[in-house]
């Protein structure tokens, strides 16, 4: 780090601590900078107060993101837009650069906050309210394989015309992306996620491709 009082003049190097075990070495290697970054992990966090609708949404989103997701089982009383200290702590502890915080109250019913981290500090957040939900298990069809790359489809002019919707689209791409690919085989396309913007609402649907 550079001494604040003598910026550009005095540089002090901190001591380098080498890992003593194989486990700690793997931990450091997983978190070290890479030319091709790992798939981003998502952390799902329960608020101090939730309801059935919020928990259903969190569990379904968690299922869509597996195996690159972790859900905290304990309730956490957080206010993401007032204090991000706990969010950043959980992010670093679980090596997660994305998070979803679910809560429910009279002022903000069925509430989900989607957020991104940069260097384990909150980069941006978007708050959404759930109007209605139908679980994937309610559809009596074959489900997609865990960990498969989804094809993302965005429909509606608002994703291009509204700054808020553009930010939401960018965050959703970051959220559901499992790495970039050079070529796409239609035969190998299994999972499709559709997002439709209409007025102030976004409709999300999950499809399994049948060949």
Protein backbone atom coordinates (compact mmCIF):
# COMPACT_ATOMS: atom_id res chain seq x y z
CA UNK A 1 0.00 0.00 0.00
CA UNK A 2 1.06 3.63 -0.50
CA UNK A 3 1.44 5.89 2.49
CA UNK A 4 -1.35 8.49 2.27
CA UNK A 5 0.86 11.30 3.53
CA UNK A 6 3.57 10.70 0.92
CA UNK A 7 1.61 9.41 -2.06
CA UNK A 8 3.94 8.59 -4.93
CA UNK A 9 7.03 8.84 -2.73
CA UNK A 10 6.91 6.13 -0.08
CA UNK A 11 5.72 2.55 -0.67
CA UNK A 12 5.64 -0.03 2.07
CA UNK A 13 5.30 -3.72 1.24
CA UNK A 14 3.38 -5.85 3.70
CA UNK A 15 4.73 -9.30 4.53
CA UNK A 16 3.55 -12.19 2.36
CA UNK A 17 2.05 -15.10 4.28
CA UNK A 18 2.35 -18.40 2.40
CA UNK A 19 -0.30 -21.11 2.86
CA UNK A 20 0.72 -23.87 5.24
CA UNK A 21 -1.78 -26.54 4.17
CA UNK A 22 -3.15 -27.84 0.86
CA UNK A 23 -6.62 -26.68 1.83
CA UNK A 24 -5.50 -23.09 2.43
CA UNK A 25 -3.49 -23.18 -0.81
CA UNK A 26 -6.61 -24.23 -2.79
CA UNK A 27 -8.60 -21.50 -1.01
CA UNK A 28 -6.12 -18.84 -2.12
CA UNK A 29 -5.90 -20.19 -5.67
CA UNK A 30 -9.69 -20.13 -6.06
CA UNK A 31 -9.77 -16.47 -5.04
CA UNK A 32 -6.73 -15.28 -6.95
CA UNK A 33 -7.13 -13.23 -10.18
CA UNK A 34 -7.49 -15.30 -13.35
CA UNK A 35 -7.36 -14.69 -17.10
CA UNK A 36 -10.69 -16.50 -17.38
CA UNK A 37 -12.74 -15.86 -14.26
CA UNK A 38 -14.68 -18.62 -12.50
CA UNK A 39 -18.45 -18.78 -12.83
CA UNK A 40 -19.87 -16.26 -10.37
CA UNK A 41 -21.37 -17.72 -7.23
CA UNK A 42 -24.69 -16.46 -5.86
CA UNK A 43 -25.49 -16.16 -2.17
CA UNK A 44 -29.16 -16.35 -1.14
CA UNK A 45 -29.94 -14.60 2.15
CA UNK A 46 -33.13 -14.76 4.21
CA UNK A 47 -34.22 -11.54 5.89
CA UNK A 48 -35.46 -11.21 9.45
CA UNK A 49 -39.02 -11.50 8.15
CA UNK A 50 -39.99 -13.54 5.11
CA UNK A 51 -43.12 -15.28 3.90
CA UNK A 52 -44.02 -18.31 1.78
CA UNK A 53 -43.92 -16.36 -1.49
CA UNK A 54 -40.41 -15.03 -0.87
CA UNK A 55 -39.07 -18.42 0.20
CA UNK A 56 -40.58 -20.12 -2.85
CA UNK A 57 -38.89 -17.59 -5.13
CA UNK A 58 -35.53 -17.95 -3.37
CA UNK A 59 -35.62 -21.75 -3.52
CA UNK A 60 -36.50 -21.76 -7.23
CA UNK A 61 -33.77 -19.24 -8.07
CA UNK A 62 -31.34 -21.29 -6.01
CA UNK A 63 -32.30 -24.40 -8.00
CA UNK A 64 -31.68 -22.54 -11.27
CA UNK A 65 -28.20 -21.46 -10.14
CA UNK A 66 -26.97 -24.76 -8.70
CA UNK A 67 -24.20 -25.77 -8.29
CA UNK A 68 -22.96 -22.15 -8.28
CA UNK A 69 -25.14 -21.05 -5.39
CA UNK A 70 -25.42 -21.22 -1.64
CA UNK A 71 -28.42 -20.44 0.56
CA UNK A 72 -27.96 -19.29 4.15
CA UNK A 73 -30.44 -21.11 6.38
CA UNK A 74 -30.48 -18.65 9.29
CA UNK A 75 -32.47 -15.42 9.24
CA UNK A 76 -30.46 -12.21 8.99
CA UNK A 77 -31.85 -8.81 9.94
CA UNK A 78 -30.34 -6.61 7.22
CA UNK A 79 -31.17 -3.33 5.51
CA UNK A 80 -29.21 -3.57 2.24
CA UNK A 81 -29.73 0.05 1.19
CA UNK A 82 -28.75 1.47 4.57
CA UNK A 83 -25.81 -0.69 5.67
CA UNK A 84 -23.90 -3.12 3.43
CA UNK A 85 -21.39 -4.27 6.07
CA UNK A 86 -23.01 -7.67 6.70
CA UNK A 87 -23.61 -8.28 2.99
CA UNK A 88 -19.94 -7.68 2.24
CA UNK A 89 -18.91 -9.93 5.13
CA UNK A 90 -21.11 -12.79 3.86
CA UNK A 91 -19.84 -12.22 0.32
CA UNK A 92 -16.20 -12.54 1.30
CA UNK A 93 -16.80 -15.46 3.66
CA UNK A 94 -18.61 -17.45 0.95
CA UNK A 95 -16.58 -16.15 -2.02
CA UNK A 96 -19.78 -14.94 -3.72
CA UNK A 97 -19.88 -11.96 -6.07
CA UNK A 98 -23.68 -12.01 -6.47
CA UNK A 99 -26.43 -12.08 -3.87
CA UNK A 100 -30.21 -12.18 -3.47
CA UNK A 101 -31.77 -10.90 -0.26
CA UNK A 102 -35.41 -11.82 0.42
CA UNK A 103 -37.71 -10.11 2.92
CA UNK A 104 -41.34 -9.21 3.55
CA UNK A 105 -42.98 -6.25 5.28
CA UNK A 106 -46.07 -4.06 4.98
CA UNK A 107 -44.17 -1.31 3.16
CA UNK A 108 -42.25 -3.73 0.93
CA UNK A 109 -44.17 -7.00 0.55
CA UNK A 110 -42.63 -10.01 -1.24
CA UNK A 111 -39.34 -8.20 -1.66
CA UNK A 112 -36.17 -9.40 -3.42
CA UNK A 113 -32.94 -7.41 -3.70
CA UNK A 114 -30.51 -8.55 -6.41
CA UNK A 115 -26.97 -7.26 -6.01
CA UNK A 116 -23.43 -7.50 -7.34
CA UNK A 117 -20.09 -7.23 -5.61
CA UNK A 118 -16.73 -5.99 -6.80
CA UNK A 119 -13.75 -6.95 -4.66
CA UNK A 120 -16.30 -7.94 -1.98
CA UNK A 121 -17.86 -4.47 -1.88
CA UNK A 122 -21.39 -3.72 -3.09
CA UNK A 123 -21.30 -2.53 -6.70
CA UNK A 124 -25.02 -2.11 -7.38
CA UNK A 125 -28.42 -3.38 -6.25
CA UNK A 126 -31.90 -3.60 -7.72
CA UNK A 127 -35.04 -4.08 -5.64
CA UNK A 128 -37.95 -6.10 -7.03
CA UNK A 129 -41.38 -7.05 -5.72
CA UNK A 130 -42.99 -10.42 -6.48
CA UNK A 131 -46.51 -10.13 -7.86
CA UNK A 132 -47.18 -13.84 -8.31
CA UNK A 133 -45.17 -17.02 -8.66
CA UNK A 134 -45.66 -20.54 -9.98
CA UNK A 135 -42.99 -23.00 -8.91
CA UNK A 136 -41.09 -25.10 -11.42
CA UNK A 137 -42.16 -28.28 -9.62
CA UNK A 138 -45.80 -27.41 -10.31
CA UNK A 139 -45.15 -28.06 -14.00
CA UNK A 140 -45.24 -31.83 -14.45
CA UNK A 141 -42.50 -31.94 -17.03
CA UNK A 142 -38.89 -33.08 -17.21
CA UNK A 143 -36.52 -30.60 -15.56
CA UNK A 144 -33.25 -29.20 -16.91
CA UNK A 145 -29.91 -30.65 -15.86
CA UNK A 146 -28.19 -28.87 -12.98
CA UNK A 147 -25.42 -26.53 -14.10
CA UNK A 148 -26.34 -26.34 -17.80
CA UNK A 149 -25.83 -23.00 -19.59
CA UNK A 150 -29.18 -21.25 -20.20
CA UNK A 151 -30.08 -19.25 -23.28
CA UNK A 152 -31.34 -15.83 -22.13
CA UNK A 153 -34.08 -14.10 -24.12
CA UNK A 154 -35.17 -10.51 -23.37
CA UNK A 155 -38.41 -9.23 -24.90
CA UNK A 156 -39.90 -5.74 -24.69
CA UNK A 157 -38.80 -2.25 -25.72
CA UNK A 158 -38.29 -1.15 -22.12
CA UNK A 159 -35.10 -3.20 -21.88
CA UNK A 160 -33.64 -0.77 -24.44
CA UNK A 161 -35.52 2.45 -23.68
CA UNK A 162 -35.45 2.62 -19.87
CA UNK A 163 -32.20 3.10 -17.94
CA UNK A 164 -33.56 1.11 -14.98
CA UNK A 165 -34.57 -1.79 -17.23
CA UNK A 166 -31.19 -1.71 -18.98
CA UNK A 167 -29.47 -2.03 -15.61
CA UNK A 168 -31.79 -4.88 -14.68
CA UNK A 169 -31.06 -6.66 -17.97
CA UNK A 170 -27.32 -6.28 -17.40
CA UNK A 171 -27.61 -7.64 -13.87
CA UNK A 172 -29.73 -10.62 -14.98
CA UNK A 173 -27.19 -11.52 -17.67
CA UNK A 174 -24.45 -11.39 -15.02
CA UNK A 175 -26.62 -13.39 -12.64
CA UNK A 176 -27.51 -16.30 -14.93
CA UNK A 177 -24.37 -16.39 -17.04
CA UNK A 178 -22.23 -19.51 -16.75
CA UNK A 179 -19.32 -18.30 -18.84
CA UNK A 180 -19.03 -17.20 -22.47
CA UNK A 181 -19.08 -19.64 -25.38
CA UNK A 182 -17.77 -19.25 -28.94
CA UNK A 183 -20.29 -21.54 -30.63
CA UNK A 184 -23.79 -22.73 -29.86
CA UNK A 185 -25.14 -26.13 -30.83
CA UNK A 186 -28.93 -26.13 -31.14
CA UNK A 187 -28.93 -29.83 -30.30
CA UNK A 188 -27.18 -29.07 -27.04
CA UNK A 189 -29.51 -26.20 -26.13
CA UNK A 190 -31.46 -27.47 -23.15
CA UNK A 191 -32.47 -24.53 -20.96
CA UNK A 192 -34.08 -21.23 -21.98
CA UNK A 193 -34.84 -18.33 -19.62
CA UNK A 194 -37.25 -15.73 -20.94
CA UNK A 195 -37.68 -12.21 -19.53
CA UNK A 196 -40.53 -10.06 -20.84
CA UNK A 197 -40.83 -6.38 -19.88
CA UNK A 198 -44.35 -4.93 -19.93
CA UNK A 199 -45.19 -1.57 -18.35
CA UNK A 200 -43.49 -1.68 -14.94
CA UNK A 201 -43.37 -5.48 -14.66
CA UNK A 202 -40.98 -8.21 -15.76
CA UNK A 203 -42.24 -11.73 -16.43
CA UNK A 204 -39.68 -14.50 -15.99
CA UNK A 205 -40.22 -17.98 -17.43
CA UNK A 206 -38.04 -21.08 -17.52
CA UNK A 207 -38.26 -23.57 -20.39
CA UNK A 208 -36.69 -26.92 -21.16
CA UNK A 209 -35.93 -27.41 -24.84
CA UNK A 210 -37.28 -30.64 -26.32
CA UNK A 211 -35.59 -31.95 -29.48
